C-alpha cells in the first residue's frame, strides 16, 4: 500500500543517520517495491551505492530510473553526468 512509502522512506533516513546503510537500503528497496516511481527512494539508493559502497553502476541504475519518470530531474541528471564522466561533485 503506497500510504506506507513515506514511513519506509523516513525509516531509511533514520537508518542513514544511525550509520546503517544496509538497513537504509532495505527500507528504500521496500518503498520502491510498493511504489516503483518513488523518486526520493531511488535517489537515496543511488547516493548510498555511490558514496558508501562505491558501486557506480548500481547508482546509475537508480538515477536512470528517476530520469525515466521525470526526464528533467536536475539531481538525477547531475548524478548521471558525474558517474559517466568521472566528474566529482555532490552525490544525489
N, C-alpha and C. Protein backbone atom coordinates (compact mmCIF):
# COMPACT_ATOMS: atom_id res chain seq x y z
N UNK A 1 0.84 -1.18 0.00
CA UNK A 1 0.00 0.00 0.00
C UNK A 1 0.89 1.24 0.00
N UNK A 2 0.64 2.14 -0.93
CA UNK A 2 1.52 3.31 -1.10
C UNK A 2 1.49 4.26 0.09
N UNK A 3 0.52 4.13 0.97
CA UNK A 3 0.49 5.01 2.14
C UNK A 3 1.67 4.72 3.08
N UNK A 4 2.32 3.58 2.91
CA UNK A 4 3.45 3.23 3.76
C UNK A 4 4.79 3.75 3.25
N UNK A 5 4.85 4.19 2.00
CA UNK A 5 6.15 4.61 1.45
C UNK A 5 6.77 5.78 2.20
N UNK A 6 6.01 6.80 2.64
CA UNK A 6 6.67 7.86 3.41
C UNK A 6 7.30 7.34 4.70
N UNK A 7 6.63 6.41 5.37
CA UNK A 7 7.19 5.83 6.60
C UNK A 7 8.45 5.04 6.31
N UNK A 8 8.43 4.26 5.23
CA UNK A 8 9.62 3.49 4.87
C UNK A 8 10.77 4.42 4.50
N UNK A 9 10.46 5.51 3.79
CA UNK A 9 11.50 6.49 3.46
C UNK A 9 12.07 7.12 4.73
N UNK A 10 11.20 7.44 5.68
CA UNK A 10 11.67 8.01 6.95
C UNK A 10 12.54 7.02 7.72
N UNK A 11 12.15 5.77 7.71
CA UNK A 11 12.97 4.75 8.39
C UNK A 11 14.32 4.60 7.69
N UNK A 12 14.33 4.72 6.37
CA UNK A 12 15.59 4.68 5.64
C UNK A 12 16.49 5.85 6.02
N UNK A 13 15.90 7.03 6.13
CA UNK A 13 16.67 8.20 6.54
C UNK A 13 17.22 8.02 7.96
N UNK A 14 16.38 7.49 8.84
CA UNK A 14 16.83 7.25 10.21
C UNK A 14 17.98 6.26 10.24
N UNK A 15 17.90 5.21 9.44
CA UNK A 15 18.99 4.23 9.38
C UNK A 15 20.27 4.90 8.90
N UNK A 16 20.15 5.83 7.95
CA UNK A 16 21.35 6.55 7.48
C UNK A 16 21.95 7.40 8.60
N UNK A 17 21.10 8.08 9.36
CA UNK A 17 21.64 8.90 10.46
C UNK A 17 22.29 8.03 11.53
N UNK A 18 21.85 6.81 11.62
CA UNK A 18 22.46 5.86 12.56
C UNK A 18 23.64 5.12 11.95
N UNK A 19 24.04 5.55 10.75
CA UNK A 19 25.18 4.98 10.04
C UNK A 19 25.00 3.49 9.76
N UNK A 20 23.80 3.16 9.31
CA UNK A 20 23.49 1.78 8.94
C UNK A 20 22.97 1.75 7.51
N UNK A 21 23.88 1.88 6.52
CA UNK A 21 23.44 1.97 5.13
C UNK A 21 22.76 0.72 4.61
N UNK A 22 23.12 -0.44 5.10
CA UNK A 22 22.47 -1.67 4.62
C UNK A 22 20.99 -1.69 5.03
N UNK A 23 20.74 -1.28 6.26
CA UNK A 23 19.36 -1.21 6.72
C UNK A 23 18.60 -0.14 5.91
N UNK A 24 19.25 0.99 5.64
CA UNK A 24 18.63 2.05 4.86
C UNK A 24 18.25 1.53 3.47
N UNK A 25 19.18 0.82 2.84
CA UNK A 25 18.88 0.24 1.52
C UNK A 25 17.66 -0.65 1.57
N UNK A 26 17.54 -1.43 2.63
CA UNK A 26 16.40 -2.33 2.76
C UNK A 26 15.09 -1.55 2.82
N UNK A 27 15.06 -0.48 3.61
CA UNK A 27 13.84 0.33 3.69
C UNK A 27 13.51 0.99 2.36
N UNK A 28 14.53 1.56 1.71
CA UNK A 28 14.28 2.22 0.42
C UNK A 28 13.86 1.20 -0.63
N UNK A 29 14.44 0.02 -0.61
CA UNK A 29 14.07 -1.04 -1.55
C UNK A 29 12.60 -1.43 -1.35
N UNK A 30 12.21 -1.58 -0.10
CA UNK A 30 10.81 -1.93 0.20
C UNK A 30 9.86 -0.83 -0.26
N UNK A 31 10.28 0.41 -0.10
CA UNK A 31 9.47 1.53 -0.55
C UNK A 31 9.30 1.50 -2.07
N UNK A 32 10.37 1.18 -2.79
CA UNK A 32 10.31 1.09 -4.25
C UNK A 32 9.48 -0.10 -4.71
N UNK A 33 9.50 -1.18 -3.96
CA UNK A 33 8.66 -2.33 -4.30
C UNK A 33 7.18 -1.94 -4.27
N UNK A 34 6.82 -1.08 -3.33
CA UNK A 34 5.44 -0.61 -3.22
C UNK A 34 5.13 0.42 -4.31
N UNK A 35 6.07 1.34 -4.50
CA UNK A 35 5.89 2.42 -5.48
C UNK A 35 7.16 2.54 -6.32
N UNK A 36 7.21 1.85 -7.46
CA UNK A 36 8.41 1.85 -8.29
C UNK A 36 8.83 3.24 -8.78
N UNK A 37 7.93 4.21 -8.72
CA UNK A 37 8.26 5.56 -9.16
C UNK A 37 8.60 6.50 -7.99
N UNK A 38 8.97 5.93 -6.88
CA UNK A 38 9.33 6.71 -5.70
C UNK A 38 10.72 7.33 -5.93
N UNK A 39 10.73 8.56 -6.42
CA UNK A 39 11.98 9.20 -6.82
C UNK A 39 12.92 9.40 -5.65
N UNK A 40 12.39 9.78 -4.50
CA UNK A 40 13.25 10.01 -3.34
C UNK A 40 13.99 8.73 -2.94
N UNK A 41 13.28 7.63 -2.94
CA UNK A 41 13.92 6.36 -2.56
C UNK A 41 14.99 5.98 -3.58
N UNK A 42 14.71 6.19 -4.86
CA UNK A 42 15.72 5.89 -5.89
C UNK A 42 16.96 6.75 -5.70
N UNK A 43 16.77 8.04 -5.44
CA UNK A 43 17.92 8.93 -5.26
C UNK A 43 18.71 8.57 -4.00
N UNK A 44 18.03 8.20 -2.95
CA UNK A 44 18.73 7.80 -1.73
C UNK A 44 19.56 6.54 -1.98
N UNK A 45 18.96 5.59 -2.70
CA UNK A 45 19.70 4.36 -3.01
C UNK A 45 20.91 4.67 -3.89
N UNK A 46 20.73 5.57 -4.86
CA UNK A 46 21.86 5.96 -5.71
C UNK A 46 22.99 6.54 -4.87
N UNK A 47 22.65 7.41 -3.94
CA UNK A 47 23.66 8.01 -3.09
C UNK A 47 24.39 6.99 -2.23
N UNK A 48 23.66 6.04 -1.69
CA UNK A 48 24.28 5.01 -0.86
C UNK A 48 25.21 4.14 -1.71
N UNK A 49 24.73 3.72 -2.87
CA UNK A 49 25.58 2.88 -3.73
C UNK A 49 26.82 3.64 -4.19
N UNK A 50 26.68 4.92 -4.46
CA UNK A 50 27.83 5.70 -4.93
C UNK A 50 28.80 6.02 -3.80
N UNK A 51 28.31 6.63 -2.74
CA UNK A 51 29.20 7.16 -1.70
C UNK A 51 29.61 6.16 -0.65
N UNK A 52 28.73 5.23 -0.31
CA UNK A 52 29.05 4.29 0.77
C UNK A 52 29.69 3.02 0.24
N UNK A 53 29.10 2.46 -0.80
CA UNK A 53 29.58 1.18 -1.29
C UNK A 53 30.46 1.27 -2.51
N UNK A 54 30.55 2.44 -3.13
CA UNK A 54 31.41 2.60 -4.30
C UNK A 54 31.01 1.73 -5.47
N UNK A 55 29.70 1.63 -5.71
CA UNK A 55 29.19 0.82 -6.82
C UNK A 55 28.46 1.76 -7.78
N UNK A 56 29.20 2.43 -8.66
CA UNK A 56 28.57 3.42 -9.54
C UNK A 56 27.53 2.83 -10.49
N UNK A 57 27.69 1.59 -10.90
CA UNK A 57 26.72 1.01 -11.83
C UNK A 57 25.34 0.91 -11.16
N UNK A 58 25.31 0.53 -9.90
CA UNK A 58 24.02 0.45 -9.19
C UNK A 58 23.45 1.84 -8.98
N UNK A 59 24.32 2.82 -8.67
CA UNK A 59 23.87 4.19 -8.50
C UNK A 59 23.25 4.70 -9.80
N UNK A 60 23.90 4.42 -10.91
CA UNK A 60 23.40 4.85 -12.22
C UNK A 60 22.02 4.26 -12.53
N UNK A 61 21.82 3.01 -12.17
CA UNK A 61 20.52 2.37 -12.41
C UNK A 61 19.41 3.19 -11.76
N UNK A 62 19.65 3.61 -10.54
CA UNK A 62 18.62 4.36 -9.81
C UNK A 62 18.46 5.78 -10.36
N UNK A 63 19.55 6.42 -10.75
CA UNK A 63 19.45 7.75 -11.36
C UNK A 63 18.72 7.68 -12.70
N UNK A 64 18.99 6.64 -13.48
CA UNK A 64 18.28 6.46 -14.75
C UNK A 64 16.79 6.22 -14.52
N UNK A 65 16.45 5.51 -13.49
CA UNK A 65 15.04 5.26 -13.19
C UNK A 65 14.33 6.58 -12.86
N UNK A 66 14.99 7.44 -12.11
CA UNK A 66 14.40 8.75 -11.81
C UNK A 66 14.17 9.52 -13.11
N UNK A 67 15.16 9.50 -14.00
CA UNK A 67 15.04 10.22 -15.27
C UNK A 67 13.99 9.61 -16.19
N UNK A 68 13.75 8.33 -16.07
CA UNK A 68 12.69 7.70 -16.85
C UNK A 68 11.34 8.28 -16.44
N UNK A 69 11.17 8.51 -15.15
CA UNK A 69 9.91 9.04 -14.62
C UNK A 69 9.82 10.55 -14.81
N UNK A 70 10.94 11.22 -14.55
CA UNK A 70 10.97 12.68 -14.62
C UNK A 70 12.24 13.10 -15.37
N UNK A 71 12.17 13.19 -16.70
CA UNK A 71 13.35 13.40 -17.55
C UNK A 71 14.19 14.63 -17.23
N UNK A 72 13.62 15.65 -16.64
CA UNK A 72 14.38 16.86 -16.36
C UNK A 72 14.81 16.99 -14.90
N UNK A 73 14.80 15.89 -14.17
CA UNK A 73 15.18 15.92 -12.75
C UNK A 73 16.66 16.29 -12.64
N UNK A 74 16.93 17.47 -12.11
CA UNK A 74 18.29 18.01 -12.11
C UNK A 74 19.27 17.16 -11.30
N UNK A 75 18.87 16.71 -10.13
CA UNK A 75 19.78 15.91 -9.30
C UNK A 75 20.14 14.60 -9.99
N UNK A 76 19.16 13.96 -10.60
CA UNK A 76 19.42 12.70 -11.30
C UNK A 76 20.31 12.93 -12.52
N UNK A 77 20.07 14.03 -13.25
CA UNK A 77 20.92 14.34 -14.41
C UNK A 77 22.35 14.60 -13.97
N UNK A 78 22.52 15.33 -12.87
CA UNK A 78 23.87 15.57 -12.35
C UNK A 78 24.55 14.27 -11.94
N UNK A 79 23.78 13.38 -11.34
CA UNK A 79 24.30 12.08 -10.93
C UNK A 79 24.81 11.30 -12.14
N UNK A 80 24.02 11.24 -13.19
CA UNK A 80 24.42 10.50 -14.39
C UNK A 80 25.66 11.13 -15.00
N UNK A 81 25.69 12.45 -15.10
CA UNK A 81 26.86 13.14 -15.66
C UNK A 81 28.11 12.84 -14.83
N UNK A 82 27.98 12.95 -13.54
CA UNK A 82 29.12 12.72 -12.65
C UNK A 82 29.63 11.29 -12.76
N UNK A 83 28.72 10.34 -12.76
CA UNK A 83 29.12 8.94 -12.77
C UNK A 83 29.62 8.47 -14.13
N UNK A 84 29.18 9.09 -15.19
CA UNK A 84 29.61 8.66 -16.51
C UNK A 84 30.85 9.42 -16.99
N UNK A 85 31.12 10.58 -16.42
CA UNK A 85 32.30 11.35 -16.84
C UNK A 85 33.40 11.33 -15.80
N UNK A 86 33.07 10.87 -14.60
CA UNK A 86 34.07 10.86 -13.54
C UNK A 86 34.25 12.22 -12.88
N UNK A 87 33.40 13.18 -13.26
CA UNK A 87 33.47 14.50 -12.64
C UNK A 87 33.03 14.41 -11.19
N UNK A 88 33.81 14.97 -10.30
CA UNK A 88 33.46 14.90 -8.88
C UNK A 88 32.39 15.93 -8.56
N UNK A 89 31.73 15.70 -7.47
CA UNK A 89 30.70 16.62 -7.02
C UNK A 89 29.87 15.95 -5.94
N UNK A 90 28.82 16.61 -5.55
CA UNK A 90 27.95 16.06 -4.51
C UNK A 90 27.12 14.93 -5.08
N UNK A 91 26.85 13.94 -4.25
CA UNK A 91 26.03 12.81 -4.67
C UNK A 91 24.57 13.18 -4.66
N UNK A 92 23.73 12.26 -5.14
CA UNK A 92 22.28 12.54 -5.16
C UNK A 92 21.73 12.68 -3.76
